[in-house]
Amino acid sequence: MQPQAAAASAAVAAPAGRAYATVAAVRPIANYGSAGSDPDAAILPAMGLSASPRGTSGAMSEIVVRTDGGETLSVVQPSAVALVPGERVMVLPGGSGRRLVPVPPQS
């Protein structure tokens, strides 16, 4: 199967609301949720709310992906899921934003 045909079949096979993509770049984000990197982090505690958006804490990464449909997306999520450029991922929608999960290699 040619690369374009494979990408098209993967896009068709994605469950409703989800898309497949390829990781283009990954960069760590230092101090995510601190007042130095997030203006809301200084305001939210004064309102009695968590300074960590969506309950996140710890190391975070910005992952840039290119969907099979041609969109470029930037997703910030915990670094616990180690993604690398060139890796295939599924883009999952959520109430608080998108998240990326690795697609297992097909045999």
N, C-alpha and C. Protein backbone atom coordinates (compact mmCIF):
# COMPACT_ATOMS: atom_id res chain seq x y z
N MET A 1 0.85 -1.18 0.00
CA MET A 1 0.00 0.00 0.00
C MET A 1 0.89 1.24 0.00
N GLN A 2 0.56 2.21 -0.81
CA GLN A 2 1.34 3.43 -0.89
C GLN A 2 1.10 4.27 0.36
N PRO A 3 2.09 5.15 0.75
CA PRO A 3 1.95 5.96 1.97
C PRO A 3 0.67 6.78 2.01
N GLN A 4 0.28 7.38 0.88
CA GLN A 4 -0.94 8.19 0.87
C GLN A 4 -2.17 7.32 1.11
N ALA A 5 -2.19 6.14 0.51
CA ALA A 5 -3.33 5.24 0.68
C ALA A 5 -3.39 4.75 2.13
N ALA A 6 -2.22 4.47 2.73
CA ALA A 6 -2.19 4.02 4.12
C ALA A 6 -2.70 5.11 5.04
N ALA A 7 -2.29 6.35 4.80
CA ALA A 7 -2.75 7.46 5.62
C ALA A 7 -4.25 7.65 5.47
N ALA A 8 -4.75 7.53 4.26
CA ALA A 8 -6.18 7.70 4.03
C ALA A 8 -6.97 6.61 4.74
N SER A 9 -6.48 5.36 4.68
CA SER A 9 -7.23 4.28 5.34
C SER A 9 -7.18 4.44 6.86
N ALA A 10 -6.06 4.94 7.41
CA ALA A 10 -5.97 5.16 8.85
C ALA A 10 -6.93 6.26 9.28
N ALA A 11 -7.05 7.32 8.46
CA ALA A 11 -7.95 8.42 8.79
C ALA A 11 -9.39 7.94 8.78
N VAL A 12 -9.74 7.08 7.84
CA VAL A 12 -11.10 6.55 7.75
C VAL A 12 -11.38 5.65 8.94
N ALA A 13 -10.36 4.90 9.40
CA ALA A 13 -10.56 3.94 10.47
C ALA A 13 -10.62 4.57 11.86
N ALA A 14 -10.32 5.87 11.98
CA ALA A 14 -10.33 6.52 13.29
C ALA A 14 -11.75 6.56 13.85
N PRO A 15 -11.93 6.19 15.12
CA PRO A 15 -13.25 6.27 15.74
C PRO A 15 -13.76 7.71 15.74
N ALA A 16 -15.06 7.87 15.86
CA ALA A 16 -15.69 9.19 15.81
C ALA A 16 -15.04 10.16 16.79
N GLY A 17 -14.72 11.36 16.31
CA GLY A 17 -14.15 12.40 17.15
C GLY A 17 -12.66 12.28 17.37
N ARG A 18 -12.06 11.25 16.82
CA ARG A 18 -10.63 11.02 16.99
C ARG A 18 -9.93 11.12 15.64
N ALA A 19 -8.65 11.36 15.66
CA ALA A 19 -7.88 11.43 14.43
C ALA A 19 -6.51 10.80 14.66
N TYR A 20 -5.89 10.37 13.58
CA TYR A 20 -4.53 9.86 13.66
C TYR A 20 -3.58 10.96 13.20
N ALA A 21 -2.36 10.95 13.75
CA ALA A 21 -1.39 11.98 13.42
C ALA A 21 0.02 11.41 13.58
N THR A 22 0.99 12.18 13.10
CA THR A 22 2.40 11.85 13.26
C THR A 22 3.06 12.96 14.05
N VAL A 23 3.84 12.59 15.05
CA VAL A 23 4.53 13.57 15.89
C VAL A 23 5.60 14.27 15.04
N ALA A 24 5.56 15.62 15.03
CA ALA A 24 6.54 16.41 14.29
C ALA A 24 7.64 16.92 15.21
N ALA A 25 7.29 17.30 16.44
CA ALA A 25 8.28 17.85 17.38
C ALA A 25 7.79 17.69 18.80
N VAL A 26 8.74 17.57 19.73
CA VAL A 26 8.44 17.47 21.16
C VAL A 26 9.41 18.38 21.89
N ARG A 27 8.88 19.20 22.82
CA ARG A 27 9.77 20.03 23.64
C ARG A 27 9.26 20.04 25.06
N PRO A 28 10.18 19.92 26.02
CA PRO A 28 9.77 19.98 27.42
C PRO A 28 9.37 21.40 27.80
N ILE A 29 8.44 21.51 28.72
CA ILE A 29 8.03 22.83 29.24
C ILE A 29 8.42 22.85 30.71
N ALA A 30 9.36 23.71 31.05
CA ALA A 30 9.82 23.83 32.44
C ALA A 30 8.82 24.65 33.25
N ASN A 31 8.58 24.23 34.46
CA ASN A 31 7.74 24.96 35.41
C ASN A 31 6.33 25.22 34.89
N TYR A 32 5.75 24.28 34.17
CA TYR A 32 4.39 24.46 33.66
C TYR A 32 3.44 24.65 34.83
N GLY A 33 2.62 25.66 34.75
CA GLY A 33 1.67 25.94 35.81
C GLY A 33 2.21 26.87 36.87
N SER A 34 3.48 27.29 36.76
CA SER A 34 4.02 28.24 37.72
C SER A 34 3.72 29.65 37.24
N ALA A 35 3.79 30.62 38.13
CA ALA A 35 3.49 32.00 37.77
C ALA A 35 4.41 32.50 36.67
N GLY A 36 5.61 31.95 36.56
CA GLY A 36 6.55 32.40 35.54
C GLY A 36 6.17 31.97 34.14
N SER A 37 5.47 30.85 33.98
CA SER A 37 5.15 30.36 32.65
C SER A 37 3.66 30.45 32.32
N ASP A 38 2.83 30.69 33.30
CA ASP A 38 1.39 30.69 33.09
C ASP A 38 0.76 31.82 33.90
N PRO A 39 0.25 32.86 33.22
CA PRO A 39 -0.32 33.99 33.97
C PRO A 39 -1.48 33.59 34.88
N ASP A 40 -2.24 32.57 34.50
CA ASP A 40 -3.36 32.13 35.35
C ASP A 40 -2.87 31.55 36.66
N ALA A 41 -1.62 31.03 36.68
CA ALA A 41 -1.09 30.40 37.89
C ALA A 41 -0.99 31.38 39.04
N ALA A 42 -0.84 32.66 38.75
CA ALA A 42 -0.76 33.66 39.81
C ALA A 42 -2.16 34.08 40.28
N ILE A 43 -3.14 33.98 39.40
CA ILE A 43 -4.49 34.44 39.71
C ILE A 43 -5.35 33.35 40.35
N LEU A 44 -5.24 32.13 39.86
CA LEU A 44 -6.11 31.05 40.33
C LEU A 44 -6.03 30.79 41.83
N PRO A 45 -4.83 30.74 42.45
CA PRO A 45 -4.79 30.51 43.89
C PRO A 45 -5.52 31.59 44.69
N ALA A 46 -5.48 32.82 44.20
CA ALA A 46 -6.17 33.92 44.89
C ALA A 46 -7.69 33.71 44.87
N MET A 47 -8.15 32.93 43.89
CA MET A 47 -9.58 32.64 43.78
C MET A 47 -9.94 31.33 44.47
N GLY A 48 -8.94 30.70 45.12
CA GLY A 48 -9.19 29.44 45.80
C GLY A 48 -9.18 28.25 44.88
N LEU A 49 -8.61 28.41 43.68
CA LEU A 49 -8.56 27.32 42.70
C LEU A 49 -7.14 26.81 42.56
N SER A 50 -7.01 25.62 42.01
CA SER A 50 -5.70 25.01 41.80
C SER A 50 -4.91 25.80 40.77
N ALA A 51 -3.62 26.01 41.06
CA ALA A 51 -2.74 26.70 40.11
C ALA A 51 -2.33 25.78 38.98
N SER A 52 -2.52 24.47 39.13
CA SER A 52 -2.16 23.52 38.09
C SER A 52 -3.37 23.28 37.21
N PRO A 53 -3.33 23.76 35.95
CA PRO A 53 -4.47 23.59 35.06
C PRO A 53 -4.84 22.12 34.91
N ARG A 54 -6.13 21.83 34.94
CA ARG A 54 -6.67 20.48 34.76
C ARG A 54 -6.03 19.48 35.70
N GLY A 55 -5.55 19.94 36.85
CA GLY A 55 -4.99 19.03 37.82
C GLY A 55 -3.62 18.50 37.46
N THR A 56 -2.93 19.15 36.53
CA THR A 56 -1.63 18.66 36.12
C THR A 56 -0.56 19.10 37.09
N SER A 57 0.48 18.32 37.18
CA SER A 57 1.65 18.70 37.95
C SER A 57 2.81 17.89 37.41
N GLY A 58 4.00 18.34 37.66
CA GLY A 58 5.17 17.63 37.19
C GLY A 58 5.58 18.06 35.80
N ALA A 59 6.42 17.24 35.19
CA ALA A 59 6.98 17.56 33.88
C ALA A 59 5.91 17.53 32.80
N MET A 60 5.95 18.55 31.95
CA MET A 60 5.00 18.65 30.84
C MET A 60 5.79 18.78 29.55
N SER A 61 5.13 18.43 28.43
CA SER A 61 5.73 18.56 27.11
C SER A 61 4.74 19.17 26.16
N GLU A 62 5.26 19.96 25.22
CA GLU A 62 4.44 20.42 24.10
C GLU A 62 4.78 19.50 22.94
N ILE A 63 3.74 18.89 22.37
CA ILE A 63 3.93 17.98 21.25
C ILE A 63 3.20 18.57 20.04
N VAL A 64 3.94 18.76 18.96
CA VAL A 64 3.36 19.26 17.72
C VAL A 64 3.15 18.06 16.81
N VAL A 65 1.93 17.91 16.29
CA VAL A 65 1.60 16.79 15.42
C VAL A 65 0.99 17.29 14.12
N ARG A 66 1.11 16.46 13.11
CA ARG A 66 0.47 16.73 11.81
C ARG A 66 -0.54 15.61 11.60
N THR A 67 -1.83 15.98 11.55
CA THR A 67 -2.87 14.96 11.38
C THR A 67 -2.87 14.43 9.95
N ASP A 68 -3.48 13.27 9.79
CA ASP A 68 -3.60 12.69 8.45
C ASP A 68 -4.45 13.58 7.55
N GLY A 69 -5.28 14.44 8.16
CA GLY A 69 -6.09 15.37 7.40
C GLY A 69 -5.36 16.65 7.03
N GLY A 70 -4.10 16.79 7.46
CA GLY A 70 -3.29 17.94 7.08
C GLY A 70 -3.22 19.05 8.11
N GLU A 71 -3.92 18.93 9.24
CA GLU A 71 -3.87 19.97 10.28
C GLU A 71 -2.59 19.84 11.09
N THR A 72 -2.07 20.98 11.57
CA THR A 72 -0.97 20.99 12.52
C THR A 72 -1.56 21.37 13.87
N LEU A 73 -1.32 20.54 14.89
CA LEU A 73 -1.86 20.78 16.23
C LEU A 73 -0.72 20.83 17.24
N SER A 74 -0.90 21.63 18.27
CA SER A 74 0.03 21.67 19.40
C SER A 74 -0.74 21.23 20.64
N VAL A 75 -0.20 20.22 21.33
CA VAL A 75 -0.86 19.67 22.51
C VAL A 75 0.12 19.70 23.67
N VAL A 76 -0.31 20.21 24.83
CA VAL A 76 0.51 20.19 26.05
C VAL A 76 -0.08 19.12 26.95
N GLN A 77 0.78 18.18 27.35
CA GLN A 77 0.33 17.10 28.22
C GLN A 77 1.50 16.62 29.07
N PRO A 78 1.21 15.83 30.12
CA PRO A 78 2.28 15.33 30.98
C PRO A 78 3.32 14.55 30.18
N SER A 79 4.56 14.69 30.59
CA SER A 79 5.67 14.00 29.90
C SER A 79 5.72 12.51 30.21
N ALA A 80 4.83 12.03 31.04
CA ALA A 80 4.82 10.61 31.41
C ALA A 80 4.69 9.72 30.19
N VAL A 81 3.99 10.20 29.16
CA VAL A 81 3.88 9.46 27.91
C VAL A 81 4.98 9.99 26.99
N ALA A 82 6.06 9.24 26.86
CA ALA A 82 7.21 9.69 26.07
C ALA A 82 6.93 9.48 24.59
N LEU A 83 6.78 10.57 23.86
CA LEU A 83 6.55 10.52 22.42
C LEU A 83 7.77 11.07 21.70
N VAL A 84 8.05 10.56 20.51
CA VAL A 84 9.21 11.00 19.74
C VAL A 84 8.78 11.37 18.33
N PRO A 85 9.51 12.31 17.68
CA PRO A 85 9.17 12.68 16.31
C PRO A 85 9.12 11.44 15.40
N GLY A 86 8.11 11.43 14.54
CA GLY A 86 7.92 10.32 13.62
C GLY A 86 6.96 9.26 14.14
N GLU A 87 6.66 9.30 15.44
CA GLU A 87 5.77 8.30 16.05
C GLU A 87 4.32 8.58 15.66
N ARG A 88 3.57 7.51 15.45
CA ARG A 88 2.14 7.62 15.15
C ARG A 88 1.36 7.71 16.45
N VAL A 89 0.39 8.62 16.48
CA VAL A 89 -0.44 8.81 17.67
C VAL A 89 -1.90 8.95 17.27
N MET A 90 -2.77 8.73 18.26
CA MET A 90 -4.18 9.02 18.09
C MET A 90 -4.46 10.29 18.87
N VAL A 91 -5.16 11.23 18.25
CA VAL A 91 -5.55 12.48 18.91
C VAL A 91 -6.94 12.25 19.48
N LEU A 92 -7.03 12.31 20.82
CA LEU A 92 -8.32 12.09 21.48
C LEU A 92 -8.90 13.41 21.96
N PRO A 93 -10.16 13.67 21.66
CA PRO A 93 -10.78 14.89 22.16
C PRO A 93 -11.13 14.74 23.63
N GLY A 94 -11.24 15.85 24.32
CA GLY A 94 -11.63 15.81 25.73
C GLY A 94 -12.24 17.12 26.14
N GLY A 95 -12.90 17.12 27.27
CA GLY A 95 -13.54 18.32 27.77
C GLY A 95 -12.56 19.43 28.09
N SER A 96 -11.32 19.06 28.44
CA SER A 96 -10.34 20.09 28.80
C SER A 96 -9.22 20.19 27.77
N GLY A 97 -9.43 19.67 26.59
CA GLY A 97 -8.43 19.75 25.53
C GLY A 97 -8.12 18.39 24.94
N ARG A 98 -7.24 18.39 23.96
CA ARG A 98 -6.86 17.14 23.30
C ARG A 98 -5.75 16.45 24.08
N ARG A 99 -5.65 15.15 23.88
CA ARG A 99 -4.49 14.42 24.40
C ARG A 99 -4.06 13.42 23.34
N LEU A 100 -2.80 13.02 23.42
CA LEU A 100 -2.22 12.12 22.44
C LEU A 100 -1.87 10.80 23.09
N VAL A 101 -2.15 9.71 22.39
CA VAL A 101 -1.76 8.38 22.86
C VAL A 101 -1.06 7.67 21.71
N PRO A 102 0.00 6.90 22.02
CA PRO A 102 0.71 6.18 20.97
C PRO A 102 -0.19 5.14 20.31
N VAL A 103 0.02 4.94 19.03
CA VAL A 103 -0.68 3.89 18.29
C VAL A 103 0.25 2.69 18.27
N PRO A 104 -0.22 1.53 18.76
CA PRO A 104 0.66 0.35 18.73
C PRO A 104 1.06 0.00 17.31
N PRO A 105 2.31 -0.44 17.11
CA PRO A 105 2.73 -0.82 15.75
C PRO A 105 1.90 -2.00 15.25
N GLN A 106 1.59 -1.97 13.98
CA GLN A 106 0.82 -3.06 13.39
C GLN A 106 1.79 -4.09 12.85
N SER A 107 1.43 -5.35 13.03
CA SER A 107 2.34 -6.42 12.57
C SER A 107 1.98 -6.89 11.19
